[in-house]
Amino acid sequence: MRKLMVTLCLMLGLSLSQPLQALSYDDIQARGEIAIAVYRDFPPYSFTDENGEPAGIDIELAKALAHGLGVKLDLRWMTPDETVDDDMRNYLWKG
């Protein structure tokens, strides 16, 4: 289950790093950064805590993924649309 979650996070991060073009592991390593989109104000998954720091389950997964890859994490906060399909389309196509 954990491998599946890491794989899904990696796929999401790769697809969000550059719209409509997945980056290879080597490309991510060369950039030294992975961009991962998370919903704004969506506890317990992703939100900012009382100190203004990113917190939540999705944030911890993103941090673990970036740490495991040895790269910097670029969190991309997004506001949810009507459906997840809309969210993916908006984020991927509109950047």
PDB file of N, CA and C in Angstrom:
ATOM      1  N   MET A   1       0.826  -1.190   0.000  1.00  0.00           N
ATOM      2  CA  MET A   1       0.000   0.000   0.000  1.00  0.00           C
ATOM      3  C   MET A   1       0.875   1.261   0.000  1.00  0.00           C
ATOM      4  N   ARG A   2       1.933   1.256   0.801  1.00  0.00           N
ATOM      5  CA  ARG A   2       2.803   2.427   0.869  1.00  0.00           C
ATOM      6  C   ARG A   2       3.488   2.682  -0.470  1.00  0.00           C
ATOM      7  N   LYS A   3       3.941   1.596  -1.129  1.00  0.00           N
ATOM      8  CA  LYS A   3       4.578   1.753  -2.432  1.00  0.00           C
ATOM      9  C   LYS A   3       3.602   2.351  -3.436  1.00  0.00           C
ATOM     10  N   LEU A   4       2.344   1.932  -3.370  1.00  0.00           N
ATOM     11  CA  LEU A   4       1.329   2.463  -4.267  1.00  0.00           C
ATOM     12  C   LEU A   4       1.137   3.957  -4.028  1.00  0.00           C
ATOM     13  N   MET A   5       1.064   4.365  -2.757  1.00  0.00           N
ATOM     14  CA  MET A   5       0.877   5.773  -2.435  1.00  0.00           C
ATOM     15  C   MET A   5       2.072   6.603  -2.901  1.00  0.00           C
ATOM     16  N   VAL A   6       3.274   6.101  -2.684  1.00  0.00           N
ATOM     17  CA  VAL A   6       4.478   6.817  -3.118  1.00  0.00           C
ATOM     18  C   VAL A   6       4.498   6.918  -4.636  1.00  0.00           C
ATOM     19  N   THR A   7       4.140   5.833  -5.310  1.00  0.00           N
ATOM     20  CA  THR A   7       4.109   5.847  -6.772  1.00  0.00           C
ATOM     21  C   THR A   7       3.096   6.844  -7.285  1.00  0.00           C
ATOM     22  N   LEU A   8       1.906   6.869  -6.683  1.00  0.00           N
ATOM     23  CA  LEU A   8       0.877   7.823  -7.095  1.00  0.00           C
ATOM     24  C   LEU A   8       1.313   9.256  -6.836  1.00  0.00           C
ATOM     25  N   CYS A   9       1.931   9.508  -5.701  1.00  0.00           N
ATOM     26  CA  CYS A   9       2.431  10.852  -5.401  1.00  0.00           C
ATOM     27  C   CYS A   9       3.509  11.256  -6.394  1.00  0.00           C
ATOM     28  N   LEU A  10       4.390  10.326  -6.716  1.00  0.00           N
ATOM     29  CA  LEU A  10       5.451  10.616  -7.675  1.00  0.00           C
ATOM     30  C   LEU A  10       4.857  10.923  -9.046  1.00  0.00           C
ATOM     31  N   MET A  11       3.879  10.133  -9.461  1.00  0.00           N
ATOM     32  CA  MET A  11       3.242  10.378 -10.750  1.00  0.00           C
ATOM     33  C   MET A  11       2.550  11.734 -10.762  1.00  0.00           C
ATOM     34  N   LEU A  12       1.867  12.065  -9.687  1.00  0.00           N
ATOM     35  CA  LEU A  12       1.204  13.355  -9.590  1.00  0.00           C
ATOM     36  C   LEU A  12       2.239  14.472  -9.614  1.00  0.00           C
ATOM     37  N   GLY A  13       3.285  14.320  -8.842  1.00  0.00           N
ATOM     38  CA  GLY A  13       4.331  15.337  -8.805  1.00  0.00           C
ATOM     39  C   GLY A  13       4.995  15.521 -10.151  1.00  0.00           C
ATOM     40  N   LEU A  14       5.237  14.420 -10.844  1.00  0.00           N
ATOM     41  CA  LEU A  14       5.847  14.511 -12.161  1.00  0.00           C
ATOM     42  C   LEU A  14       4.943  15.222 -13.141  1.00  0.00           C
ATOM     43  N   SER A  15       3.669  14.898 -13.095  1.00  0.00           N
ATOM     44  CA  SER A  15       2.744  15.520 -14.042  1.00  0.00           C
ATOM     45  C   SER A  15       2.513  16.987 -13.725  1.00  0.00           C
ATOM     46  N   LEU A  16       2.642  17.373 -12.477  1.00  0.00           N
ATOM     47  CA  LEU A  16       2.395  18.766 -12.103  1.00  0.00           C
ATOM     48  C   LEU A  16       3.629  19.641 -12.220  1.00  0.00           C
ATOM     49  N   SER A  17       4.790  19.025 -12.327  1.00  0.00           N
ATOM     50  CA  SER A  17       6.013  19.804 -12.436  1.00  0.00           C
ATOM     51  C   SER A  17       6.068  20.584 -13.739  1.00  0.00           C
ATOM     52  N   GLN A  18       5.555  20.009 -14.780  1.00  0.00           N
ATOM     53  CA  GLN A  18       5.549  20.653 -16.089  1.00  0.00           C
ATOM     54  C   GLN A  18       4.291  20.182 -16.804  1.00  0.00           C
ATOM     55  N   PRO A  19       3.329  21.066 -17.026  1.00  0.00           N
ATOM     56  CA  PRO A  19       2.049  20.650 -17.599  1.00  0.00           C
ATOM     57  C   PRO A  19       2.200  19.804 -18.862  1.00  0.00           C
ATOM     58  N   LEU A  20       1.452  18.699 -18.895  1.00  0.00           N
ATOM     59  CA  LEU A  20       1.360  17.799 -20.028  1.00  0.00           C
ATOM     60  C   LEU A  20       2.663  17.138 -20.430  1.00  0.00           C
ATOM     61  N   GLN A  21       3.655  17.189 -19.589  1.00  0.00           N
ATOM     62  CA  GLN A  21       4.915  16.520 -19.896  1.00  0.00           C
ATOM     63  C   GLN A  21       5.500  15.963 -18.609  1.00  0.00           C
ATOM     64  N   ALA A  22       5.539  14.642 -18.523  1.00  0.00           N
ATOM     65  CA  ALA A  22       6.090  14.015 -17.328  1.00  0.00           C
ATOM     66  C   ALA A  22       7.610  14.141 -17.332  1.00  0.00           C
ATOM     67  N   LEU A  23       8.158  14.351 -16.171  1.00  0.00           N
ATOM     68  CA  LEU A  23       9.611  14.421 -16.034  1.00  0.00           C
ATOM     69  C   LEU A  23      10.137  13.078 -15.567  1.00  0.00           C
ATOM     70  N   SER A  24      11.299  12.748 -16.039  1.00  0.00           N
ATOM     71  CA  SER A  24      11.924  11.505 -15.601  1.00  0.00           C
ATOM     72  C   SER A  24      12.553  11.722 -14.222  1.00  0.00           C
ATOM     73  N   TYR A  25      12.916  10.629 -13.605  1.00  0.00           N
ATOM     74  CA  TYR A  25      13.612  10.695 -12.321  1.00  0.00           C
ATOM     75  C   TYR A  25      14.882  11.541 -12.457  1.00  0.00           C
ATOM     76  N   ASP A  26      15.613  11.329 -13.542  1.00  0.00           N
ATOM     77  CA  ASP A  26      16.848  12.084 -13.771  1.00  0.00           C
ATOM     78  C   ASP A  26      16.572  13.584 -13.912  1.00  0.00           C
ATOM     79  N   ASP A  27      15.464  13.929 -14.581  1.00  0.00           N
ATOM     80  CA  ASP A  27      15.103  15.342 -14.728  1.00  0.00           C
ATOM     81  C   ASP A  27      14.791  15.979 -13.370  1.00  0.00           C
ATOM     82  N   ILE A  28      14.069  15.240 -12.532  1.00  0.00           N
ATOM     83  CA  ILE A  28      13.747  15.746 -11.189  1.00  0.00           C
ATOM     84  C   ILE A  28      15.030  15.935 -10.396  1.00  0.00           C
ATOM     85  N   GLN A  29      15.919  14.965 -10.487  1.00  0.00           N
ATOM     86  CA  GLN A  29      17.194  15.067  -9.781  1.00  0.00           C
ATOM     87  C   GLN A  29      17.994  16.266 -10.289  1.00  0.00           C
ATOM     88  N   ALA A  30      18.001  16.478 -11.600  1.00  0.00           N
ATOM     89  CA  ALA A  30      18.745  17.591 -12.182  1.00  0.00           C
ATOM     90  C   ALA A  30      18.168  18.936 -11.731  1.00  0.00           C
ATOM     91  N   ARG A  31      16.858  19.009 -11.637  1.00  0.00           N
ATOM     92  CA  ARG A  31      16.214  20.247 -11.168  1.00  0.00           C
ATOM     93  C   ARG A  31      16.431  20.449  -9.678  1.00  0.00           C
ATOM     94  N   GLY A  32      16.520  19.330  -8.964  1.00  0.00           N
ATOM     95  CA  GLY A  32      16.683  19.414  -7.514  1.00  0.00           C
ATOM     96  C   GLY A  32      15.399  19.798  -6.795  1.00  0.00           C
ATOM     97  N   GLU A  33      14.273  19.614  -7.475  1.00  0.00           N
ATOM     98  CA  GLU A  33      12.992  20.047  -6.905  1.00  0.00           C
ATOM     99  C   GLU A  33      11.852  19.240  -7.517  1.00  0.00           C
ATOM    100  N   ILE A  34      10.822  18.985  -6.693  1.00  0.00           N
ATOM    101  CA  ILE A  34       9.606  18.360  -7.187  1.00  0.00           C
ATOM    102  C   ILE A  34       8.434  19.231  -6.760  1.00  0.00           C
ATOM    103  N   ALA A  35       7.534  19.511  -7.695  1.00  0.00           N
ATOM    104  CA  ALA A  35       6.341  20.315  -7.413  1.00  0.00           C
ATOM    105  C   ALA A  35       5.160  19.375  -7.199  1.00  0.00           C
ATOM    106  N   ILE A  36       4.453  19.594  -6.100  1.00  0.00           N
ATOM    107  CA  ILE A  36       3.287  18.775  -5.778  1.00  0.00           C
ATOM    108  C   ILE A  36       2.145  19.709  -5.401  1.00  0.00           C
ATOM    109  N   ALA A  37       0.996  19.506  -6.050  1.00  0.00           N
ATOM    110  CA  ALA A  37      -0.180  20.325  -5.771  1.00  0.00           C
ATOM    111  C   ALA A  37      -0.959  19.742  -4.596  1.00  0.00           C
ATOM    112  N   VAL A  38      -1.412  20.624  -3.713  1.00  0.00           N
ATOM    113  CA  VAL A  38      -2.245  20.226  -2.582  1.00  0.00           C
ATOM    114  C   VAL A  38      -3.383  21.239  -2.458  1.00  0.00           C
ATOM    115  N   TYR A  39      -4.508  20.783  -1.927  1.00  0.00           N
ATOM    116  CA  TYR A  39      -5.642  21.678  -1.734  1.00  0.00           C
ATOM    117  C   TYR A  39      -5.386  22.633  -0.582  1.00  0.00           C
ATOM    118  N   ARG A  40      -5.793  23.860  -0.766  1.00  0.00           N
ATOM    119  CA  ARG A  40      -5.714  24.878   0.279  1.00  0.00           C
ATOM    120  C   ARG A  40      -6.877  24.659   1.262  1.00  0.00           C
ATOM    121  N   ASP A  41      -6.610  24.807   2.559  1.00  0.00           N
ATOM    122  CA  ASP A  41      -7.641  24.717   3.600  1.00  0.00           C
ATOM    123  C   ASP A  41      -8.484  23.446   3.487  1.00  0.00           C
ATOM    124  N   PHE A  42      -7.817  22.294   3.521  1.00  0.00           N
ATOM    125  CA  PHE A  42      -8.489  21.007   3.378  1.00  0.00           C
ATOM    126  C   PHE A  42      -8.041  20.037   4.470  1.00  0.00           C
ATOM    127  N   PRO A  43      -8.251  20.425   5.776  1.00  0.00           N
ATOM    128  CA  PRO A  43      -7.837  19.545   6.862  1.00  0.00           C
ATOM    129  C   PRO A  43      -8.643  18.248   6.847  1.00  0.00           C
ATOM    130  N   PRO A  44      -8.074  17.161   7.233  1.00  0.00           N
ATOM    131  CA  PRO A  44      -6.746  16.966   7.815  1.00  0.00           C
ATOM    132  C   PRO A  44      -5.676  16.701   6.767  1.00  0.00           C
ATOM    133  N   TYR A  45      -5.995  16.876   5.494  1.00  0.00           N
ATOM    134  CA  TYR A  45      -5.072  16.510   4.422  1.00  0.00           C
ATOM    135  C   TYR A  45      -4.028  17.590   4.123  1.00  0.00           C
ATOM    136  N   SER A  46      -4.483  18.823   3.936  1.00  0.00           N
ATOM    137  CA  SER A  46      -3.541  19.911   3.641  1.00  0.00           C
ATOM    138  C   SER A  46      -4.143  21.237   4.099  1.00  0.00           C
ATOM    139  N   PHE A  47      -3.358  21.938   4.911  1.00  0.00           N
ATOM    140  CA  PHE A  47      -3.796  23.216   5.473  1.00  0.00           C
ATOM    141  C   PHE A  47      -2.573  23.891   6.079  1.00  0.00           C
ATOM    142  N   THR A  48      -2.738  25.136   6.510  1.00  0.00           N
ATOM    143  CA  THR A  48      -1.656  25.790   7.243  1.00  0.00           C
ATOM    144  C   THR A  48      -2.032  25.792   8.719  1.00  0.00           C
ATOM    145  N   ASP A  49      -1.057  25.476   9.558  1.00  0.00           N
ATOM    146  CA  ASP A  49      -1.312  25.404  10.995  1.00  0.00           C
ATOM    147  C   ASP A  49      -1.339  26.798  11.613  1.00  0.00           C
ATOM    148  N   GLU A  50      -1.467  26.840  12.933  1.00  0.00           N
ATOM    149  CA  GLU A  50      -1.565  28.121  13.647  1.00  0.00           C
ATOM    150  C   GLU A  50      -0.309  28.978  13.511  1.00  0.00           C
ATOM    151  N   ASN A  51       0.803  28.356  13.124  1.00  0.00           N
ATOM    152  CA  ASN A  51       2.053  29.092  12.915  1.00  0.00           C
ATOM    153  C   ASN A  51       2.259  29.482  11.447  1.00  0.00           C
ATOM    154  N   GLY A  52       1.270  29.177  10.609  1.00  0.00           N
ATOM    155  CA  GLY A  52       1.376  29.495   9.193  1.00  0.00           C
ATOM    156  C   GLY A  52       2.196  28.498   8.391  1.00  0.00           C
ATOM    157  N   GLU A  53       2.493  27.346   8.990  1.00  0.00           N
ATOM    158  CA  GLU A  53       3.297  26.308   8.329  1.00  0.00           C
ATOM    159  C   GLU A  53       2.386  25.278   7.665  1.00  0.00           C
ATOM    160  N   PRO A  54       2.796  24.744   6.517  1.00  0.00           N
ATOM    161  CA  PRO A  54       2.027  23.683   5.870  1.00  0.00           C
ATOM    162  C   PRO A  54       1.911  22.471   6.797  1.00  0.00           C
ATOM    163  N   ALA A  55       0.724  21.875   6.848  1.00  0.00           N
ATOM    164  CA  ALA A  55       0.492  20.719   7.717  1.00  0.00           C
ATOM    165  C   ALA A  55      -0.549  19.809   7.072  1.00  0.00           C
ATOM    166  N   GLY A  56      -0.600  18.580   7.549  1.00  0.00           N
ATOM    167  CA  GLY A  56      -1.608  17.632   7.099  1.00  0.00           C
ATOM    168  C   GLY A  56      -0.994  16.383   6.487  1.00  0.00           C
ATOM    169  N   ILE A  57      -1.857  15.416   6.233  1.00  0.00           N
ATOM    170  CA  ILE A  57      -1.436  14.114   5.716  1.00  0.00           C
ATOM    171  C   ILE A  57      -0.763  14.256   4.351  1.00  0.00           C
ATOM    172  N   ASP A  58      -1.397  14.993   3.429  1.00  0.00           N
ATOM    173  CA  ASP A  58      -0.817  15.158   2.090  1.00  0.00           C
ATOM    174  C   ASP A  58       0.521  15.890   2.145  1.00  0.00           C
ATOM    175  N   ILE A  59       0.639  16.830   3.063  1.00  0.00           N
ATOM    176  CA  ILE A  59       1.889  17.579   3.220  1.00  0.00           C
ATOM    177  C   ILE A  59       2.996  16.636   3.684  1.00  0.00           C
ATOM    178  N   GLU A  60       2.681  15.779   4.647  1.00  0.00           N
ATOM    179  CA  GLU A  60       3.674  14.829   5.153  1.00  0.00           C
ATOM    180  C   GLU A  60       4.098  13.838   4.064  1.00  0.00           C
ATOM    181  N   LEU A  61       3.137  13.383   3.250  1.00  0.00           N
ATOM    182  CA  LEU A  61       3.475  12.490   2.142  1.00  0.00           C
ATOM    183  C   LEU A  61       4.371  13.198   1.122  1.00  0.00           C
ATOM    184  N   ALA A  62       4.048  14.446   0.817  1.00  0.00           N
ATOM    185  CA  ALA A  62       4.850  15.216  -0.135  1.00  0.00           C
ATOM    186  C   ALA A  62       6.267  15.421   0.401  1.00  0.00           C
ATOM    187  N   LYS A  63       6.378  15.740   1.689  1.00  0.00           N
ATOM    188  CA  LYS A  63       7.700  15.922   2.305  1.00  0.00           C
ATOM    189  C   LYS A  63       8.500  14.620   2.264  1.00  0.00           C
ATOM    190  N   ALA A  64       7.839  13.503   2.564  1.00  0.00           N
ATOM    191  CA  ALA A  64       8.522  12.207   2.551  1.00  0.00           C
ATOM    192  C   ALA A  64       8.983  11.846   1.143  1.00  0.00           C
ATOM    193  N   LEU A  65       8.162  12.135   0.152  1.00  0.00           N
ATOM    194  CA  LEU A  65       8.526  11.856  -1.232  1.00  0.00           C
ATOM    195  C   LEU A  65       9.742  12.691  -1.643  1.00  0.00           C
ATOM    196  N   ALA A  66       9.692  13.985  -1.371  1.00  0.00           N
ATOM    197  CA  ALA A  66      10.818  14.869  -1.721  1.00  0.00           C
ATOM    198  C   ALA A  66      12.088  14.439  -0.985  1.00  0.00           C
ATOM    199  N   HIS A  67      11.944  14.118   0.291  1.00  0.00           N
ATOM    200  CA  HIS A  67      13.097  13.673   1.084  1.00  0.00           C
ATOM    201  C   HIS A  67      13.672  12.372   0.501  1.00  0.00           C
ATOM    202  N   GLY A  68      12.779  11.442   0.167  1.00  0.00           N
ATOM    203  CA  GLY A  68      13.223  10.168  -0.391  1.00  0.00           C
ATOM    204  C   GLY A  68      13.943  10.336  -1.718  1.00  0.00           C
ATOM    205  N   LEU A  69      13.536  11.336  -2.492  1.00  0.00           N
ATOM    206  CA  LEU A  69      14.184  11.609  -3.768  1.00  0.00           C
ATOM    207  C   LEU A  69      15.412  12.493  -3.606  1.00  0.00           C
ATOM    208  N   GLY A  70      15.563  13.071  -2.413  1.00  0.00           N
ATOM    209  CA  GLY A  70      16.696  13.947  -2.156  1.00  0.00           C
ATOM    210  C   GLY A  70      16.598  15.283  -2.868  1.00  0.00           C
ATOM    211  N   VAL A  71      15.356  15.789  -3.026  1.00  0.00           N
ATOM    212  CA  VAL A  71      15.142  17.064  -3.714  1.00  0.00           C
ATOM    213  C   VAL A  71      14.300  17.995  -2.841  1.00  0.00           C
ATOM    214  N   LYS A  72      14.259  19.261  -3.232  1.00  0.00           N
ATOM    215  CA  LYS A  72      13.471  20.267  -2.539  1.00  0.00           C
ATOM    216  C   LYS A  72      11.998  20.109  -2.924  1.00  0.00           C
ATOM    217  N   LEU A  73      11.117  20.406  -1.985  1.00  0.00           N
ATOM    218  CA  LEU A  73       9.677  20.320  -2.219  1.00  0.00           C
ATOM    219  C   LEU A  73       9.127  21.694  -2.577  1.00  0.00           C
ATOM    220  N   ASP A  74       8.397  21.765  -3.677  1.00  0.00           N
ATOM    221  CA  ASP A  74       7.692  22.975  -4.091  1.00  0.00           C
ATOM    222  C   ASP A  74       6.201  22.681  -3.985  1.00  0.00           C
ATOM    223  N   LEU A  75       5.578  23.108  -2.881  1.00  0.00           N
ATOM    224  CA  LEU A  75       4.143  22.895  -2.701  1.00  0.00           C
ATOM    225  C   LEU A  75       3.389  23.901  -3.546  1.00  0.00           C
ATOM    226  N   ARG A  76       2.411  23.417  -4.274  1.00  0.00           N
ATOM    227  CA  ARG A  76       1.560  24.282  -5.091  1.00  0.00           C
ATOM    228  C   ARG A  76       0.155  24.225  -4.506  1.00  0.00           C
ATOM    229  N   TRP A  77      -0.223  25.277  -3.805  1.00  0.00           N
ATOM    230  CA  TRP A  77      -1.540  25.334  -3.173  1.00  0.00           C
ATOM    231  C   TRP A  77      -2.595  25.631  -4.234  1.00  0.00           C
ATOM    232  N   MET A  78      -3.658  24.863  -4.234  1.00  0.00           N
ATOM    233  CA  MET A  78      -4.733  25.093  -5.194  1.00  0.00           C
ATOM    234  C   MET A  78      -6.095  25.060  -4.509  1.00  0.00           C
ATOM    235  N   THR A  79      -7.019  25.772  -5.098  1.00  0.00           N
ATOM    236  CA  THR A  79      -8.393  25.815  -4.599  1.00  0.00           C
ATOM    237  C   THR A  79      -9.208  24.771  -5.356  1.00  0.00           C
ATOM    238  N   PRO A  80     -10.005  23.966  -4.659  1.00  0.00           N
ATOM    239  CA  PRO A  80     -10.770  22.929  -5.348  1.00  0.00           C
ATOM    240  C   PRO A  80     -11.866  23.509  -6.237  1.00  0.00           C
ATOM    241  N   ASP A  81     -12.087  22.824  -7.347  1.00  0.00           N
ATOM    242  CA  ASP A  81     -13.169  23.166  -8.261  1.00  0.00           C
ATOM    243  C   ASP A  81     -14.343  22.240  -7.945  1.00  0.00           C
ATOM    244  N   GLU A  82     -15.250  22.070  -8.884  1.00  0.00           N
ATOM    245  CA  GLU A  82     -16.439  21.260  -8.628  1.00  0.00           C
ATOM    246  C   GLU A  82     -16.146  19.768  -8.545  1.00  0.00           C
ATOM    247  N   THR A  83     -15.190  19.285  -9.351  1.00  0.00           N
ATOM    248  CA  THR A  83     -14.848  17.864  -9.334  1.00  0.00           C
ATOM    249  C   THR A  83     -13.325  17.710  -9.378  1.00  0.00           C
ATOM    250  N   VAL A  84     -12.862  16.524  -9.044  1.00  0.00           N
ATOM    251  CA  VAL A  84     -11.429  16.241  -9.110  1.00  0.00           C
ATOM    252  C   VAL A  84     -10.955  16.328 -10.562  1.00  0.00           C
ATOM    253  N   ASP A  85     -11.792  15.892 -11.492  1.00  0.00           N
ATOM    254  CA  ASP A  85     -11.432  16.008 -12.911  1.00  0.00           C
ATOM    255  C   ASP A  85     -11.176  17.467 -13.281  1.00  0.00           C
ATOM    256  N   ASP A  86     -12.046  18.358 -12.797  1.00  0.00           N
ATOM    257  CA  ASP A  86     -11.855  19.789 -13.053  1.00  0.00           C
ATOM    258  C   ASP A  86     -10.551  20.277 -12.437  1.00  0.00           C
ATOM    259  N   ASP A  87     -10.253  19.810 -11.240  1.00  0.00           N
ATOM    260  CA  ASP A  87      -9.016  20.218 -10.568  1.00  0.00           C
ATOM    261  C   ASP A  87      -7.790  19.801 -11.381  1.00  0.00           C
ATOM    262  N   MET A  88      -7.774  18.554 -11.833  1.00  0.00           N
ATOM    263  CA  MET A  88      -6.634  18.070 -12.615  1.00  0.00           C
ATOM    264  C   MET A  88      -6.514  18.867 -13.919  1.00  0.00           C
ATOM    265  N   ARG A  89      -7.644  19.054 -14.579  1.00  0.00           N
ATOM    266  CA  ARG A  89      -7.635  19.787 -15.846  1.00  0.00           C
ATOM    267  C   ARG A  89      -7.136  21.220 -15.631  1.00  0.00           C
ATOM    268  N   ASN A  90      -7.659  21.884 -14.626  1.00  0.00           N
ATOM    269  CA  ASN A  90      -7.238  23.265 -14.343  1.00  0.00           C
ATOM    270  C   ASN A  90      -5.762  23.338 -14.011  1.00  0.00           C
ATOM    271  N   TYR A  91      -5.302  22.428 -13.186  1.00  0.00           N
ATOM    272  CA  TYR A  91      -3.908  22.504 -12.769  1.00  0.00           C
ATOM    273  C   TYR A  91      -2.949  22.120 -13.886  1.00  0.00           C
ATOM    274  N   LEU A  92      -3.280  21.058 -14.596  1.00  0.00           N
ATOM    275  CA  LEU A  92      -2.381  20.578 -15.664  1.00  0.00           C
ATOM    276  C   LEU A  92      -2.399  21.490 -16.884  1.00  0.00           C
ATOM    277  N   TRP A  93      -3.571  21.890 -17.317  1.00  0.00           N
ATOM    278  CA  TRP A  93      -3.670  22.661 -18.545  1.00  0.00           C
ATOM    279  C   TRP A  93      -3.365  24.131 -18.347  1.00  0.00           C
ATOM    280  N   LYS A  94      -3.775  24.665 -17.218  1.00  0.00           N
ATOM    281  CA  LYS A  94      -3.567  26.093 -16.976  1.00  0.00           C
ATOM    282  C   LYS A  94      -2.285  26.368 -16.223  1.00  0.00           C
ATOM    283  N   GLY A  95      -1.657  25.336 -15.700  1.00  0.00           N
ATOM    284  CA  GLY A  95      -0.398  25.495 -14.991  1.00  0.00           C
ATOM    285  C   GLY A  95      -0.620  26.043 -13.622  1.00  0.00           C
TER     286      GLY A  95
END
